[in-house]
Amino acid sequence: MLYLLVIGPILAGIVNILFKKRDTRPFIIGVQIAQLAYALWIFIQVRTDDTIFNFMSGVPDGLAITLMADIISSVFVLLTTIIFLMMLLFAYHKEYFNTQFAFLFLVLQGLIISLFLSTDLFNLFVMLEVSTVVVAILIMFNKEKQAIYDGMIYFFVNVIGTAFLLFGIGMLYRTTGFLDMRVISEAIVEVESPRAVLLPFAFMMTTLSLKTAVVPLFSWLPKAHGTPSAPPVVSAILSGLFIKTGVYMFIRFSAMFEPVIQVQEIFFLIGFITSIFGFIMAMGQNDIKMILAYSTVSQIGLIMIGLNMGSEIAYWGALFHVVSHALFKSTLFLAAGQVYHQYGTRDIRMMRGVLRAMPLTGFAIIFGILGVTGAPLFNGSISKYMISYGSYRPIVQFGLNLINLGTITYFVKFGSILFGKDNRPEESKPPREDLLSELLVFIMGGLILLTGVYGPVSMDILFGYQVEVFSAEYFEKGIVYALMILAGVGIYNGIIKQGGLLDRISHVELTFNAVITSMTGFFLFIAGYLYLVL
């Protein structure tokens, strides 16, 4: 029963509240292991048999609230259970792992899984609204002034953004009479004109564009993912996993509207702009978490490029990049949390010698950097290879190389913390539980290497897609990568290190009113574009 994957962690959170006077952490970890085992069993069932449906009432298919596990959603659910288990193991000995935190974290897990499994549009709206509340509380968990401000910005921006989704769902229901995405996809071809669903599409895609943080709807993400006092596992979940709910719904909604509306070209362009903008902003940051937050903006842009390239191999490459990004970004956020806890600062200019002081964390950071920059033998190289292979147009190849050069450049800046003399405060010695957390982060880094070395095998196991990596082309891209490393080091030392205009640009923030205005402008842009092309 698929609903067990949704209610399992929520019930565990409730039990955790009821028995708050006892140490419920072993119970919570036990539930997570059971969740992982069950998610793996569902994944195997989908791969060996076919799509699994779970109808929540006795009414006919299309009217019943339905949960669906197919080849894509089963992978996303499996990924969710793996990442949450890792996060809870990491937080096991941390001060913030109390009853309230565990409850919120487990509820968020159930909500994320429900977003991946549900086919009912109103269900998706409700889950997004509730998850917005939970995430906002987690951001504000330590009750510091900046965290409260960031959490409230996140809350109000996303509540208003989700209202666009509700408007779109209402209009689509009035047009088709259904809320189930599978049935709507079949019924939508019967509408008199594609323009009948123009406004619903524009409303719904505005919400999803906000959730995926594409330009110009990105400004909430650095505040939410990089807020100073949020626990590292919160930032890791938000950046590594939660933002993927927007990507997943973009895939589903695009398929639902595909019979009458295709907008791959415009979202392909938006993906490019987002990716370039993200790495420019990341280059000018000195806060270790803000670099990673803007890196997520850039990488989501790359995923959107792959999804909208119009190529099968690029599409599956983008999906594999979702998995890869979840691994290396979660690893990097957890490692960053370990580092600034030991060094007492988040300013990378004040951190040196991490590899010597914290070798396990240092190597995890190296693995994460090699993954995100697409180094040969690491998971990002396979997904980027597939996306690049999806188009031989010179302008596309140039754009992809430019994005990767930008990624390498800001991670050269990020990686500067690894070397040099250890400048931690003298009294800073990691306790035993931190050493255990370091080991866990190192294991996550190892997964980045493992899923890269066995990249084609991983693709076949996860998505049933067989990709052939041509040795000559892979070697050629390895040479290009090496040259980009040299170029990235040169750009960092020659331009970024000097500061100046880039620093000023990268610290520009949109006000709340500007965010809402950009959301409205984006909706009008999509609606106007559709009006012209339909």
Protein backbone atom coordinates (compact mmCIF):
# COMPACT_ATOMS: atom_id res chain seq x y z
CA MET A 1 0.00 0.00 0.00
CA LEU A 2 1.56 3.25 -1.15
CA TYR A 3 -0.13 5.32 1.53
CA LEU A 4 2.07 3.63 4.15
CA LEU A 5 5.02 5.51 2.69
CA VAL A 6 3.15 8.77 3.36
CA ILE A 7 1.67 8.12 6.78
CA GLY A 8 4.58 6.04 8.12
CA PRO A 9 6.91 8.93 9.01
CA ILE A 10 3.98 11.13 10.11
CA LEU A 11 2.78 8.46 12.56
CA ALA A 12 6.37 8.06 13.78
CA GLY A 13 6.45 11.81 14.42
CA ILE A 14 3.21 11.60 16.43
CA VAL A 15 4.54 8.69 18.50
CA ASN A 16 7.67 10.73 19.09
CA ILE A 17 5.50 13.53 20.52
CA LEU A 18 3.43 11.17 22.70
CA PHE A 19 6.55 9.60 24.25
CA LYS A 20 8.62 12.77 24.41
CA LYS A 21 9.91 11.94 27.89
CA ARG A 22 11.72 8.93 26.46
CA ASP A 23 14.57 8.76 23.99
CA THR A 24 12.70 8.06 20.76
CA ARG A 25 15.71 8.46 18.46
CA PRO A 26 16.34 4.69 18.07
CA PHE A 27 12.65 4.24 17.23
CA ILE A 28 12.81 7.01 14.61
CA ILE A 29 15.90 5.49 12.98
CA GLY A 30 14.17 2.09 13.00
CA VAL A 31 11.17 3.60 11.20
CA GLN A 32 13.49 5.18 8.63
CA ILE A 33 15.17 1.86 7.93
CA ALA A 34 11.73 0.27 7.49
CA GLN A 35 10.72 3.14 5.19
CA LEU A 36 13.82 2.58 3.09
CA ALA A 37 13.19 -1.17 2.87
CA TYR A 38 9.55 -0.63 1.85
CA ALA A 39 10.45 2.06 -0.70
CA LEU A 40 13.04 -0.30 -2.16
CA TRP A 41 10.44 -3.08 -2.37
CA ILE A 42 8.02 -0.71 -4.18
CA PHE A 43 10.82 0.33 -6.54
CA ILE A 44 11.61 -3.31 -7.37
CA GLN A 45 7.90 -4.04 -7.92
CA VAL A 46 7.63 -1.15 -10.37
CA ARG A 47 10.78 -2.20 -12.23
CA THR A 48 9.80 -5.86 -12.50
CA ASP A 49 6.05 -5.48 -13.04
CA ASP A 50 4.54 -2.11 -13.90
CA THR A 51 3.12 1.08 -12.45
CA ILE A 52 1.43 0.63 -9.07
CA PHE A 53 -1.84 2.41 -8.32
CA ASN A 54 -3.42 2.89 -4.92
CA PHE A 55 -7.05 4.08 -5.08
CA MET A 56 -8.12 5.65 -1.79
CA SER A 57 -11.87 4.98 -2.18
CA GLY A 58 -14.31 2.78 -4.03
CA VAL A 59 -15.28 5.35 -6.67
CA PRO A 60 -14.23 4.89 -10.32
CA ASP A 61 -10.71 5.51 -11.53
CA GLY A 62 -10.27 9.19 -12.35
CA LEU A 63 -12.55 10.32 -9.54
CA ALA A 64 -10.86 8.52 -6.65
CA ILE A 65 -7.91 10.09 -4.85
CA THR A 66 -5.04 8.12 -6.33
CA LEU A 67 -1.43 7.43 -5.43
CA MET A 68 0.79 6.27 -8.28
CA ALA A 69 4.29 4.80 -8.26
CA ASP A 70 5.87 4.60 -11.71
CA ILE A 71 9.46 4.46 -12.91
CA ILE A 72 10.08 8.12 -12.06
CA SER A 73 8.12 8.60 -8.84
CA SER A 74 9.44 5.33 -7.35
CA VAL A 75 13.02 6.56 -7.84
CA PHE A 76 12.18 9.91 -6.23
CA VAL A 77 10.56 8.17 -3.25
CA LEU A 78 13.53 5.82 -2.84
CA LEU A 79 15.88 8.81 -3.00
CA THR A 80 13.78 10.58 -0.35
CA THR A 81 14.00 7.68 2.09
CA ILE A 82 17.77 7.37 1.59
CA ILE A 83 18.44 11.09 2.10
CA PHE A 84 16.17 11.35 5.17
CA LEU A 85 17.83 8.33 6.79
CA MET A 86 21.23 9.94 6.22
CA MET A 87 20.04 13.28 7.60
CA LEU A 88 18.59 11.76 10.77
CA LEU A 89 21.72 9.70 11.38
CA PHE A 90 23.77 12.88 10.96
CA ALA A 91 21.56 14.77 13.42
CA TYR A 92 21.36 11.89 15.91
CA HIS A 93 23.68 13.45 18.53
CA LYS A 94 23.01 17.11 17.70
CA GLU A 95 21.49 19.52 20.20
CA TYR A 96 18.63 20.47 17.90
CA PHE A 97 17.43 16.86 17.51
CA ASN A 98 14.63 17.18 20.04
CA THR A 99 10.98 16.12 20.02
CA GLN A 100 9.73 19.16 18.11
CA PHE A 101 12.44 18.98 15.46
CA ALA A 102 11.93 15.25 14.90
CA PHE A 103 8.17 15.72 14.51
CA LEU A 104 8.53 18.51 11.94
CA PHE A 105 11.25 16.66 10.04
CA LEU A 106 9.24 13.45 9.82
CA VAL A 107 6.07 15.28 8.77
CA LEU A 108 8.08 16.96 6.00
CA GLN A 109 9.23 13.54 4.81
CA GLY A 110 5.64 12.31 4.55
CA LEU A 111 4.61 15.45 2.67
CA ILE A 112 7.47 15.16 0.19
CA ILE A 113 6.63 11.51 -0.53
CA SER A 114 2.95 12.41 -1.01
CA LEU A 115 3.95 15.08 -3.55
CA PHE A 116 5.83 12.41 -5.51
CA LEU A 117 3.00 9.86 -5.38
CA SER A 118 -0.23 11.83 -5.69
CA THR A 119 -1.96 12.31 -9.03
CA ASP A 120 -4.73 14.55 -7.65
CA LEU A 121 -4.18 18.26 -8.27
CA PHE A 122 -6.03 19.47 -5.19
CA ASN A 123 -4.08 17.02 -3.06
CA LEU A 124 -0.88 18.48 -4.46
CA PHE A 125 -2.04 21.99 -3.57
CA VAL A 126 -2.86 20.98 0.01
CA MET A 127 0.47 19.18 0.45
CA LEU A 128 2.39 22.16 -0.91
CA GLU A 129 0.60 24.51 1.49
CA VAL A 130 1.25 22.31 4.52
CA SER A 131 4.87 21.72 3.54
CA THR A 132 5.34 25.49 3.21
CA VAL A 133 4.29 25.89 6.85
CA VAL A 134 6.55 23.05 8.02
CA VAL A 135 9.59 24.28 6.10
CA ALA A 136 9.09 27.84 7.36
CA ILE A 137 9.05 26.58 10.97
CA LEU A 138 12.19 24.50 10.36
CA ILE A 139 13.97 27.55 8.93
CA MET A 140 12.98 29.56 12.03
CA PHE A 141 13.67 26.65 14.38
CA ASN A 142 16.47 28.31 16.35
CA LYS A 143 14.40 31.51 16.71
CA GLU A 144 17.18 33.90 15.76
CA LYS A 145 16.22 37.24 14.26
CA GLN A 146 17.64 36.61 10.77
CA ALA A 147 16.18 33.09 10.66
CA ILE A 148 12.72 34.39 11.58
CA TYR A 149 12.96 37.04 8.86
CA ASP A 150 14.10 34.49 6.25
CA GLY A 151 11.43 32.02 7.32
CA MET A 152 8.65 34.59 7.07
CA ILE A 153 9.84 35.72 3.62
CA TYR A 154 9.84 32.10 2.51
CA PHE A 155 6.38 31.52 3.97
CA PHE A 156 4.61 34.54 2.49
CA VAL A 157 6.26 34.26 -0.94
CA ASN A 158 5.38 30.59 -1.26
CA VAL A 159 1.84 30.96 0.09
CA ILE A 160 1.15 33.65 -2.50
CA GLY A 161 2.87 31.55 -5.15
CA THR A 162 0.78 28.51 -4.30
CA ALA A 163 -2.36 30.62 -4.70
CA PHE A 164 -1.51 30.82 -8.41
CA LEU A 165 -1.64 27.01 -8.47
CA LEU A 166 -5.06 27.01 -6.83
CA PHE A 167 -6.41 29.45 -9.42
CA GLY A 168 -5.05 27.25 -12.20
CA ILE A 169 -6.51 24.08 -10.69
CA GLY A 170 -9.94 25.70 -10.32
CA MET A 171 -9.98 26.88 -13.93
CA LEU A 172 -8.76 23.51 -15.20
CA TYR A 173 -11.43 21.69 -13.19
CA ARG A 174 -14.10 23.96 -14.62
CA THR A 175 -12.85 23.18 -18.14
CA THR A 176 -12.33 19.42 -17.89
CA GLY A 177 -14.37 18.35 -14.83
CA PHE A 178 -11.46 16.31 -13.41
CA LEU A 179 -8.65 16.72 -10.88
CA ASP A 180 -6.63 13.59 -11.68
CA MET A 181 -3.65 14.43 -13.92
CA ARG A 182 -3.89 11.19 -15.90
CA VAL A 183 -7.55 11.76 -16.78
CA ILE A 184 -7.03 15.45 -17.52
CA SER A 185 -4.29 14.54 -20.00
CA GLU A 186 -6.83 12.44 -21.91
CA ALA A 187 -9.72 14.90 -21.56
CA ILE A 188 -7.74 17.99 -22.50
CA VAL A 189 -7.58 16.97 -26.16
CA GLU A 190 -11.36 17.39 -26.31
CA VAL A 191 -11.31 21.12 -25.53
CA GLU A 192 -12.43 23.34 -28.39
CA SER A 193 -9.22 25.36 -28.48
CA PRO A 194 -5.84 25.16 -26.72
CA ARG A 195 -6.48 28.72 -25.55
CA ALA A 196 -9.16 27.32 -23.23
CA VAL A 197 -6.36 26.05 -20.96
CA LEU A 198 -3.95 28.94 -21.55
CA LEU A 199 -4.60 30.69 -18.24
CA PRO A 200 -4.62 27.49 -16.12
CA PHE A 201 -1.26 26.55 -17.63
CA ALA A 202 0.20 30.02 -16.99
CA PHE A 203 -1.05 30.04 -13.39
CA MET A 204 0.26 26.55 -12.61
CA MET A 205 3.62 27.02 -14.29
CA THR A 206 4.16 30.24 -12.37
CA THR A 207 3.87 28.29 -9.12
CA LEU A 208 6.20 25.55 -10.33
CA SER A 209 8.73 28.09 -11.61
CA LEU A 210 8.69 29.67 -8.17
CA LYS A 211 9.16 26.27 -6.51
CA THR A 212 12.10 25.46 -8.78
CA ALA A 213 13.56 28.96 -8.25
CA VAL A 214 14.15 29.86 -11.89
CA VAL A 215 14.92 33.44 -12.91
CA PRO A 216 13.34 35.80 -11.92
CA LEU A 217 11.61 33.80 -9.14
CA PHE A 218 14.76 32.63 -7.35
CA SER A 219 15.28 35.22 -4.61
CA TRP A 220 13.54 33.26 -1.84
CA LEU A 221 15.89 30.28 -2.23
CA PRO A 222 19.16 31.77 -0.88
CA LYS A 223 17.27 33.11 2.15
CA ALA A 224 15.66 29.75 2.86
CA HIS A 225 18.60 27.48 2.07
CA GLY A 226 21.33 29.73 3.40
CA THR A 227 19.74 31.18 6.53
CA PRO A 228 22.49 31.40 9.19
CA SER A 229 21.02 29.52 12.14
CA ALA A 230 19.09 26.76 10.36
CA PRO A 231 20.43 23.28 11.21
CA PRO A 232 22.64 21.85 8.42
CA VAL A 233 20.21 18.98 7.81
CA VAL A 234 17.43 21.50 7.06
CA SER A 235 19.53 23.28 4.43
CA ALA A 236 20.62 19.92 3.02
CA ILE A 237 17.04 18.64 2.71
CA LEU A 238 15.76 21.86 1.18
CA SER A 239 18.54 22.14 -1.39
CA GLY A 240 19.17 18.48 -2.01
CA LEU A 241 15.62 17.15 -2.03
CA PHE A 242 12.69 19.47 -1.36
CA ILE A 243 13.32 21.70 -4.37
CA LYS A 244 13.08 18.55 -6.52
CA THR A 245 9.33 18.43 -5.78
CA GLY A 246 8.99 21.47 -8.05
CA VAL A 247 11.05 19.75 -10.76
CA TYR A 248 8.95 16.60 -10.43
CA MET A 249 5.66 18.49 -10.71
CA PHE A 250 7.03 20.40 -13.70
CA ILE A 251 7.59 17.03 -15.39
CA ARG A 252 4.08 15.84 -14.53
CA PHE A 253 2.29 19.07 -15.42
CA SER A 254 4.19 19.38 -18.71
CA ALA A 255 3.10 15.84 -19.63
CA MET A 256 -0.49 16.64 -18.61
CA PHE A 257 -0.69 19.70 -20.89
CA GLU A 258 1.48 18.24 -23.66
CA PRO A 259 -1.42 17.20 -25.95
CA VAL A 260 -2.32 20.88 -26.48
CA ILE A 261 0.56 23.01 -25.13
CA GLN A 262 4.29 22.56 -25.71
CA VAL A 263 6.60 25.21 -24.32
CA GLN A 264 9.93 23.44 -24.29
CA GLU A 265 11.68 26.26 -26.13
CA ILE A 266 10.82 28.98 -23.62
CA PHE A 267 11.67 26.87 -20.55
CA PHE A 268 14.87 25.73 -22.24
CA LEU A 269 15.84 29.40 -22.51
CA ILE A 270 14.72 30.12 -18.94
CA GLY A 271 16.88 27.20 -17.78
CA PHE A 272 19.95 28.68 -19.50
CA ILE A 273 19.37 32.12 -18.02
CA THR A 274 18.80 30.64 -14.57
CA SER A 275 21.95 28.55 -14.69
CA ILE A 276 24.15 31.45 -15.82
CA PHE A 277 22.63 33.85 -13.31
CA GLY A 278 23.08 31.30 -10.52
CA PHE A 279 26.81 30.82 -11.07
CA ILE A 280 27.41 34.58 -11.40
CA MET A 281 25.72 35.15 -8.04
CA ALA A 282 27.61 32.22 -6.47
CA MET A 283 30.97 33.64 -7.57
CA GLY A 284 30.54 36.78 -5.50
CA GLN A 285 29.51 35.11 -2.23
CA ASN A 286 31.84 34.65 0.74
CA ASP A 287 29.32 32.86 2.97
CA ILE A 288 29.87 29.10 2.63
CA LYS A 289 26.13 28.31 2.68
CA MET A 290 25.23 31.11 0.26
CA ILE A 291 27.67 29.75 -2.33
CA LEU A 292 25.92 26.39 -2.11
CA ALA A 293 22.46 28.01 -2.20
CA TYR A 294 23.18 29.93 -5.43
CA SER A 295 24.86 26.80 -6.80
CA THR A 296 21.49 25.07 -6.43
CA VAL A 297 19.87 27.82 -8.52
CA SER A 298 22.45 27.19 -11.25
CA GLN A 299 22.11 23.41 -11.15
CA ILE A 300 18.32 23.56 -11.27
CA GLY A 301 18.73 25.68 -14.39
CA LEU A 302 20.86 22.91 -15.90
CA ILE A 303 18.20 20.32 -15.05
CA MET A 304 15.58 22.48 -16.78
CA ILE A 305 17.82 22.67 -19.85
CA GLY A 306 17.99 18.88 -20.05
CA LEU A 307 14.27 18.39 -19.48
CA ASN A 308 13.37 20.84 -22.25
CA MET A 309 16.05 20.09 -24.83
CA GLY A 310 13.71 17.85 -26.80
CA SER A 311 16.15 14.94 -26.66
CA GLU A 312 15.52 11.59 -25.00
CA ILE A 313 19.07 11.16 -23.71
CA ALA A 314 19.14 14.73 -22.36
CA TYR A 315 15.79 14.19 -20.63
CA TRP A 316 17.01 11.08 -18.81
CA GLY A 317 20.32 12.80 -18.16
CA ALA A 318 18.43 15.60 -16.42
CA LEU A 319 16.59 13.05 -14.27
CA PHE A 320 19.90 11.41 -13.35
CA HIS A 321 21.25 14.88 -12.51
CA VAL A 322 18.35 15.24 -10.06
CA VAL A 323 19.63 12.14 -8.26
CA SER A 324 23.25 13.26 -8.54
CA HIS A 325 22.45 16.75 -7.27
CA ALA A 326 20.58 15.34 -4.29
CA LEU A 327 23.69 13.38 -3.30
CA PHE A 328 26.42 15.95 -3.82
CA LYS A 329 24.48 18.96 -2.59
CA SER A 330 23.31 17.17 0.57
CA THR A 331 26.91 16.10 1.17
CA LEU A 332 28.26 19.62 0.67
CA PHE A 333 25.67 21.25 2.95
CA LEU A 334 26.34 18.75 5.73
CA ALA A 335 30.10 19.16 5.30
CA ALA A 336 29.70 22.93 5.35
CA GLY A 337 27.77 22.63 8.62
CA GLN A 338 30.61 20.59 10.11
CA VAL A 339 33.19 23.13 8.95
CA TYR A 340 31.59 26.35 10.18
CA HIS A 341 30.77 24.65 13.49
CA GLN A 342 34.48 23.94 13.98
CA TYR A 343 35.79 27.24 12.63
CA GLY A 344 33.18 29.47 14.25
CA THR A 345 32.49 31.38 11.02
CA ARG A 346 30.76 30.95 7.67
CA ASP A 347 33.16 33.29 5.84
CA ILE A 348 35.30 31.12 3.55
CA ARG A 349 38.07 33.76 3.68
CA MET A 350 38.51 32.87 7.36
CA MET A 351 38.69 29.09 6.80
CA ARG A 352 41.82 27.25 5.78
CA GLY A 353 43.31 23.80 6.27
CA VAL A 354 40.04 21.83 6.40
CA LEU A 355 41.57 18.81 4.70
CA ARG A 356 44.26 18.58 7.36
CA ALA A 357 42.03 19.46 10.31
CA MET A 358 39.00 17.35 9.28
CA PRO A 359 40.22 14.79 6.72
CA LEU A 360 36.96 12.85 6.33
CA THR A 361 34.95 16.03 5.85
CA GLY A 362 37.65 17.38 3.56
CA PHE A 363 37.52 14.37 1.27
CA ALA A 364 33.70 14.48 1.29
CA ILE A 365 33.94 18.10 0.10
CA ILE A 366 36.38 17.05 -2.63
CA PHE A 367 34.00 14.31 -3.78
CA GLY A 368 31.09 16.76 -3.72
CA ILE A 369 33.00 19.35 -5.73
CA LEU A 370 34.14 16.76 -8.28
CA GLY A 371 30.54 15.56 -8.56
CA VAL A 372 28.92 18.93 -9.10
CA THR A 373 31.59 20.10 -11.54
CA GLY A 374 31.30 16.94 -13.64
CA ALA A 375 34.75 15.43 -13.08
CA PRO A 376 35.32 12.08 -14.84
CA LEU A 377 34.29 9.05 -12.75
CA PHE A 378 31.88 11.09 -10.59
CA ASN A 379 28.07 11.09 -10.97
CA GLY A 380 27.80 14.64 -12.32
CA SER A 381 30.00 13.69 -15.28
CA ILE A 382 27.50 11.07 -16.45
CA SER A 383 24.43 13.30 -16.17
CA LYS A 384 26.22 16.26 -17.79
CA TYR A 385 27.55 13.97 -20.53
CA MET A 386 24.01 12.84 -21.32
CA ILE A 387 22.63 16.40 -21.33
CA SER A 388 25.47 17.58 -23.55
CA TYR A 389 24.98 14.61 -25.89
CA GLY A 390 21.37 15.69 -26.40
CA SER A 391 22.32 18.49 -28.78
CA TYR A 392 25.18 19.12 -31.19
CA ARG A 393 24.19 22.73 -31.86
CA PRO A 394 27.34 24.84 -31.32
CA ILE A 395 25.48 27.52 -29.35
CA VAL A 396 24.08 24.89 -26.96
CA GLN A 397 27.48 23.26 -26.47
CA PHE A 398 29.04 26.67 -25.84
CA GLY A 399 26.34 27.49 -23.29
CA LEU A 400 26.79 24.18 -21.46
CA ASN A 401 30.56 24.65 -21.34
CA LEU A 402 30.09 28.20 -20.06
CA ILE A 403 27.82 26.93 -17.27
CA ASN A 404 30.33 24.27 -16.28
CA LEU A 405 33.19 26.79 -16.34
CA GLY A 406 31.17 29.02 -14.02
CA THR A 407 30.46 26.05 -11.74
CA ILE A 408 34.14 25.12 -11.62
CA THR A 409 35.14 28.73 -10.90
CA TYR A 410 32.98 29.25 -7.84
CA PHE A 411 33.93 25.83 -6.54
CA VAL A 412 37.61 26.73 -6.91
CA LYS A 413 36.71 29.55 -4.52
CA PHE A 414 34.79 27.15 -2.28
CA GLY A 415 37.61 24.60 -2.36
CA SER A 416 40.15 27.14 -1.11
CA ILE A 417 39.06 26.24 2.44
CA LEU A 418 40.63 22.80 2.04
CA PHE A 419 44.26 23.87 1.88
CA GLY A 420 46.68 26.00 3.83
CA LYS A 421 47.39 26.16 7.53
CA ASP A 422 44.67 25.03 9.93
CA ASN A 423 43.35 28.28 11.43
CA ARG A 424 40.64 26.90 13.69
CA PRO A 425 40.31 28.40 17.18
CA GLU A 426 42.71 26.57 19.51
CA GLU A 427 39.90 25.34 21.76
CA SER A 428 38.04 23.79 18.81
CA LYS A 429 38.34 20.03 19.05
CA PRO A 430 35.64 17.84 17.48
CA PRO A 431 33.77 15.70 20.02
CA ARG A 432 33.17 12.02 19.36
CA GLU A 433 29.72 12.57 17.88
CA ASP A 434 31.16 15.03 15.36
CA LEU A 435 33.64 12.37 14.26
CA LEU A 436 30.70 10.05 13.65
CA SER A 437 28.99 12.79 11.63
CA GLU A 438 32.20 13.24 9.64
CA LEU A 439 32.22 9.54 8.84
CA LEU A 440 28.62 9.71 7.62
CA VAL A 441 29.38 12.70 5.39
CA PHE A 442 32.38 10.81 3.99
CA ILE A 443 30.13 7.81 3.20
CA MET A 444 27.75 10.14 1.34
CA GLY A 445 30.73 11.45 -0.59
CA GLY A 446 31.59 7.87 -1.47
CA LEU A 447 28.11 7.45 -3.00
CA ILE A 448 28.92 10.33 -5.36
CA LEU A 449 31.94 8.40 -6.62
CA LEU A 450 30.13 5.05 -6.69
CA THR A 451 27.20 6.34 -8.78
CA GLY A 452 29.73 7.93 -11.14
CA VAL A 453 32.01 4.95 -11.64
CA TYR A 454 28.92 2.83 -12.25
CA GLY A 455 26.99 5.63 -13.96
CA PRO A 456 25.52 3.66 -16.90
CA VAL A 457 24.65 0.79 -14.54
CA SER A 458 23.00 3.26 -12.15
CA MET A 459 20.95 4.70 -15.01
CA ASP A 460 19.78 1.23 -16.02
CA ILE A 461 18.91 0.21 -12.44
CA LEU A 462 17.13 3.46 -11.54
CA PHE A 463 15.31 4.42 -14.73
CA GLY A 464 15.64 1.39 -17.01
CA TYR A 465 17.43 3.59 -19.54
CA GLN A 466 20.52 2.19 -21.17
CA VAL A 467 23.14 4.77 -22.00
CA GLU A 468 26.35 3.99 -23.82
CA VAL A 469 29.28 6.16 -22.83
CA PHE A 470 31.70 6.39 -25.75
CA SER A 471 35.25 6.24 -24.45
CA ALA A 472 36.65 8.69 -27.00
CA GLU A 473 34.03 11.36 -26.27
CA TYR A 474 34.26 10.79 -22.52
CA PHE A 475 38.06 11.15 -22.72
CA GLU A 476 37.65 14.31 -24.79
CA LYS A 477 35.32 15.78 -22.19
CA GLY A 478 37.86 14.83 -19.53
CA ILE A 479 40.48 16.91 -21.33
CA VAL A 480 38.02 19.80 -21.62
CA TYR A 481 37.32 19.47 -17.88
CA ALA A 482 41.03 19.67 -17.08
CA LEU A 483 41.39 22.81 -19.22
CA MET A 484 38.35 24.32 -17.48
CA ILE A 485 39.98 23.68 -14.10
CA LEU A 486 42.97 25.72 -15.22
CA ALA A 487 40.68 28.44 -16.60
CA GLY A 488 38.63 28.43 -13.39
CA VAL A 489 41.74 28.86 -11.24
CA GLY A 490 42.84 31.72 -13.48
CA ILE A 491 39.46 33.47 -13.34
CA TYR A 492 39.30 33.07 -9.57
CA ASN A 493 42.79 34.47 -8.96
CA GLY A 494 42.59 37.13 -11.64
CA ILE A 495 39.04 38.45 -11.21
CA ILE A 496 36.95 37.02 -8.39
CA LYS A 497 39.60 37.28 -5.69
CA GLN A 498 39.90 40.99 -6.43
CA GLY A 499 36.20 41.63 -5.66
CA GLY A 500 34.75 44.79 -7.17
CA LEU A 501 31.65 44.83 -9.35
CA LEU A 502 30.96 41.11 -8.97
CA ASP A 503 30.77 41.46 -5.19
CA ARG A 504 28.29 44.33 -5.47
CA ILE A 505 26.09 42.52 -7.99
CA SER A 506 26.02 39.28 -6.02
CA HIS A 507 24.70 40.96 -2.88
CA VAL A 508 21.71 42.59 -4.54
CA GLU A 509 18.47 41.24 -3.03
CA LEU A 510 14.89 41.70 -4.12
CA THR A 511 12.45 43.15 -1.62
CA PHE A 512 9.25 41.29 -0.82
CA ASN A 513 7.27 43.64 -3.07
CA ALA A 514 9.76 43.09 -5.89
CA VAL A 515 9.42 39.31 -5.51
CA ILE A 516 5.64 39.50 -5.80
CA THR A 517 5.94 41.86 -8.75
CA SER A 518 8.34 39.49 -10.52
CA MET A 519 5.90 36.63 -9.89
CA THR A 520 3.08 38.59 -11.49
CA GLY A 521 5.33 39.63 -14.36
CA PHE A 522 6.35 36.02 -14.96
CA PHE A 523 2.70 34.95 -15.12
CA LEU A 524 1.92 37.71 -17.64
CA PHE A 525 4.99 36.76 -19.68
CA ILE A 526 3.98 33.08 -19.91
CA ALA A 527 0.35 33.95 -20.67
CA GLY A 528 1.39 36.47 -23.32
CA TYR A 529 3.82 34.02 -24.91
CA LEU A 530 1.14 31.34 -25.09
CA TYR A 531 -1.37 33.79 -26.53
CA LEU A 532 1.04 34.53 -29.38
CA VAL A 533 2.02 30.94 -30.19
CA LEU A 534 -1.33 29.14 -29.77
